[in-house]
């Protein structure tokens, strides 16, 4: 993901994925800066999230967990999810792809906010549940690309067909898996 993200820097309007988004880049005010906000902040959320479930940090360095967690929450709520919502409105693949990315952005924002509210209310269990959900959606950046490689390799579908499928496969299996995990971990 870091390699993919670094392709976009220095900022350019005609690089990588943006090559197929030139209509949006040239005709939609704010698309390019909002796209870069999404790309630039989402990688921080991904990297920060990977540290948050480390048992050593959780047990011995709670101050570090809180600081990185604050970065994760602020990055998603203030930048990554709202920008994801915006660019989702212009997603390739038509209505259903757009719908998927919009739902993903809303859920990502909501789960992250719920996790933040839960910890502010000192409800650690709810905080953990919603952080797992939030990070499952953060990981959609990786799973979407993984599914794309798998589908193209196995079936060679048309590019827009791939996009319609991976828009949903990027996050639905993540949520199903995390809900199964949470059910097992927190069942009474």
Protein backbone atom coordinates (compact mmCIF):
# COMPACT_ATOMS: atom_id res chain seq x y z
CA UNK A 1 0.00 0.00 0.00
CA UNK A 2 2.84 2.35 0.78
CA UNK A 3 4.32 1.72 -2.68
CA UNK A 4 0.95 2.38 -4.30
CA UNK A 5 0.53 5.58 -2.27
CA UNK A 6 4.02 6.87 -3.07
CA UNK A 7 3.20 6.77 -6.80
CA UNK A 8 1.01 9.82 -6.21
CA UNK A 9 3.81 11.96 -4.82
CA UNK A 10 4.88 14.47 -5.92
CA UNK A 11 1.30 15.52 -6.60
CA UNK A 12 0.29 15.05 -10.22
CA UNK A 13 -3.08 14.87 -11.96
CA UNK A 14 -2.01 12.25 -14.50
CA UNK A 15 -0.56 9.37 -12.53
CA UNK A 16 -1.61 5.79 -11.71
CA UNK A 17 -5.37 5.52 -11.02
CA UNK A 18 -5.86 9.18 -11.90
CA UNK A 19 -5.06 8.31 -15.54
CA UNK A 20 -8.59 6.90 -15.84
CA UNK A 21 -10.17 9.71 -13.79
CA UNK A 22 -9.28 12.64 -16.06
CA UNK A 23 -12.92 13.64 -16.55
CA UNK A 24 -13.33 14.03 -12.78
CA UNK A 25 -9.94 15.70 -12.39
CA UNK A 26 -10.68 18.30 -15.06
CA UNK A 27 -14.41 18.81 -14.59
CA UNK A 28 -15.20 18.37 -10.89
CA UNK A 29 -14.05 21.20 -8.67
CA UNK A 30 -12.07 19.87 -5.76
CA UNK A 31 -11.77 16.29 -7.00
CA UNK A 32 -7.98 16.28 -7.21
CA UNK A 33 -7.22 17.82 -3.79
CA UNK A 34 -9.90 15.68 -2.13
CA UNK A 35 -8.49 12.59 -3.83
CA UNK A 36 -5.04 13.46 -2.48
CA UNK A 37 -6.46 14.07 1.00
CA UNK A 38 -7.96 10.59 0.86
CA UNK A 39 -4.82 8.89 -0.40
CA UNK A 40 -2.50 10.80 1.94
CA UNK A 41 -4.53 10.31 5.10
CA UNK A 42 -5.75 6.77 4.48
CA UNK A 43 -2.20 5.44 4.50
CA UNK A 44 -1.70 7.00 7.95
CA UNK A 45 -4.89 5.35 9.19
CA UNK A 46 -3.71 2.01 7.82
CA UNK A 47 -0.26 2.28 9.40
CA UNK A 48 -1.63 3.59 12.71
CA UNK A 49 -4.25 0.85 12.82
CA UNK A 50 -1.66 -1.90 12.52
CA UNK A 51 -0.08 -0.77 15.80
CA UNK A 52 -3.33 -0.58 17.76
CA UNK A 53 -3.83 -4.30 18.25
CA UNK A 54 -0.29 -5.03 19.43
CA UNK A 55 -0.58 -6.68 22.86
CA UNK A 56 2.74 -5.22 24.08
CA UNK A 57 1.68 -1.69 23.27
CA UNK A 58 -1.76 -2.26 24.80
CA UNK A 59 -0.31 -3.70 28.00
CA UNK A 60 2.85 -1.66 28.54
CA UNK A 61 2.55 1.57 26.59
CA UNK A 62 -1.00 2.81 27.01
CA UNK A 63 0.13 6.40 26.38
CA UNK A 64 1.45 5.34 22.97
CA UNK A 65 -1.77 3.43 22.24
CA UNK A 66 -3.81 6.54 23.09
CA UNK A 67 -1.62 8.86 21.01
CA UNK A 68 -1.62 6.64 17.92
CA UNK A 69 -5.33 5.94 18.45
CA UNK A 70 -6.05 9.67 18.48
CA UNK A 71 -4.19 10.02 15.17
CA UNK A 72 -6.14 7.09 13.73
CA UNK A 73 -9.52 8.47 14.84
CA UNK A 74 -8.82 12.06 13.78
CA UNK A 75 -7.42 10.98 10.43
CA UNK A 76 -10.49 8.91 9.59
CA UNK A 77 -13.21 11.19 11.00
CA UNK A 78 -11.78 14.46 9.75
CA UNK A 79 -10.17 13.47 6.47
CA UNK A 80 -10.15 9.90 5.16
CA UNK A 81 -13.83 8.95 5.48
CA UNK A 82 -15.28 12.30 4.29
CA UNK A 83 -12.91 12.38 1.32
CA UNK A 84 -13.71 8.72 0.63
CA UNK A 85 -17.40 9.61 0.60
CA UNK A 86 -16.74 12.41 -1.90
CA UNK A 87 -14.65 10.36 -4.31
CA UNK A 88 -17.06 7.44 -3.86
CA UNK A 89 -19.73 9.62 -5.45
CA UNK A 90 -17.63 9.53 -8.63
CA UNK A 91 -16.47 5.90 -8.49
CA UNK A 92 -15.98 3.89 -11.66
CA UNK A 93 -18.44 1.11 -12.35
CA UNK A 94 -21.76 2.94 -12.14
CA UNK A 95 -24.43 3.25 -9.48
CA UNK A 96 -23.69 0.07 -7.51
CA UNK A 97 -19.97 0.78 -7.25
CA UNK A 98 -20.72 4.31 -6.09
CA UNK A 99 -23.24 2.99 -3.58
CA UNK A 100 -20.69 0.54 -2.20
CA UNK A 101 -17.98 3.17 -1.70
CA UNK A 102 -20.45 5.60 -0.14
CA UNK A 103 -21.71 2.96 2.31
CA UNK A 104 -18.10 2.03 3.08
CA UNK A 105 -17.19 5.65 3.87
CA UNK A 106 -20.27 6.16 6.07
CA UNK A 107 -19.67 2.94 8.01
CA UNK A 108 -15.96 3.70 8.38
CA UNK A 109 -16.79 7.11 9.82
CA UNK A 110 -19.57 5.71 12.05
CA UNK A 111 -17.61 2.76 13.47
CA UNK A 112 -14.63 4.99 14.21
CA UNK A 113 -16.81 7.61 15.86
CA UNK A 114 -18.62 4.96 17.93
CA UNK A 115 -15.27 3.56 19.08
CA UNK A 116 -14.13 7.04 20.11
CA UNK A 117 -17.37 7.76 21.98
CA UNK A 118 -17.20 4.36 23.71
CA UNK A 119 -13.69 4.96 25.07
CA UNK A 120 -14.61 8.47 26.17
CA UNK A 121 -17.43 6.82 28.15
CA UNK A 122 -14.89 4.28 29.48
CA UNK A 123 -16.66 1.39 27.78
CA UNK A 124 -13.59 -0.59 26.74
CA UNK A 125 -15.48 -3.58 25.33
CA UNK A 126 -17.60 -1.44 22.98
CA UNK A 127 -14.49 0.56 22.07
CA UNK A 128 -12.69 -2.63 21.08
CA UNK A 129 -15.64 -3.95 19.06
CA UNK A 130 -16.01 -0.75 17.07
CA UNK A 131 -12.27 -0.39 16.54
CA UNK A 132 -12.13 -3.90 15.14
CA UNK A 133 -14.95 -2.96 12.76
CA UNK A 134 -13.29 0.32 11.86
CA UNK A 135 -9.97 -1.33 11.12
CA UNK A 136 -11.69 -4.07 9.08
CA UNK A 137 -12.93 -1.26 6.85
CA UNK A 138 -9.52 0.43 6.84
CA UNK A 139 -8.14 -2.86 5.54
CA UNK A 140 -10.53 -2.67 2.59
CA UNK A 141 -7.81 -0.68 0.82
CA UNK A 142 -5.74 -3.85 0.80
CA UNK A 143 -8.47 -6.43 0.25
CA UNK A 144 -9.94 -4.49 -2.68
CA UNK A 145 -6.61 -4.67 -4.48
CA UNK A 146 -6.16 -8.32 -3.58
CA UNK A 147 -9.56 -9.23 -4.99
CA UNK A 148 -8.80 -7.25 -8.14
CA UNK A 149 -5.66 -9.30 -8.77
CA UNK A 150 -7.49 -12.57 -8.07
CA UNK A 151 -10.48 -11.78 -10.28
CA UNK A 152 -8.40 -10.50 -13.18
CA UNK A 153 -6.06 -13.49 -12.97
CA UNK A 154 -8.85 -16.07 -12.80
CA UNK A 155 -11.55 -14.61 -15.02
CA UNK A 156 -10.16 -11.67 -17.07
CA UNK A 157 -13.45 -9.71 -16.83
CA UNK A 158 -13.99 -6.29 -18.39
CA UNK A 159 -12.43 -3.49 -16.28
CA UNK A 160 -15.75 -1.93 -15.24
CA UNK A 161 -17.14 -5.35 -14.31
CA UNK A 162 -14.13 -5.87 -12.06
CA UNK A 163 -14.73 -2.52 -10.43
CA UNK A 164 -18.38 -3.32 -9.70
CA UNK A 165 -17.40 -6.56 -8.01
CA UNK A 166 -14.37 -5.39 -6.04
CA UNK A 167 -16.24 -2.34 -4.77
CA UNK A 168 -18.23 -4.77 -2.61
CA UNK A 169 -15.65 -7.55 -2.14
CA UNK A 170 -13.17 -5.02 -0.77
CA UNK A 171 -15.13 -4.59 2.46
CA UNK A 172 -18.12 -6.96 2.83
CA UNK A 173 -16.02 -10.09 3.55
CA UNK A 174 -13.92 -8.04 6.01
CA UNK A 175 -17.05 -7.06 7.96
CA UNK A 176 -18.43 -10.60 7.91
CA UNK A 177 -15.12 -12.01 9.16
CA UNK A 178 -14.76 -9.40 11.90
CA UNK A 179 -18.35 -9.94 13.06
CA UNK A 180 -17.68 -13.68 13.32
CA UNK A 181 -14.49 -12.95 15.24
CA UNK A 182 -16.29 -10.53 17.58
CA UNK A 183 -19.09 -13.00 18.16
CA UNK A 184 -16.56 -15.63 19.18
CA UNK A 185 -14.40 -13.29 21.26
CA UNK A 186 -17.14 -11.45 23.14
CA UNK A 187 -19.96 -13.99 23.43
CA UNK A 188 -21.28 -14.17 26.96
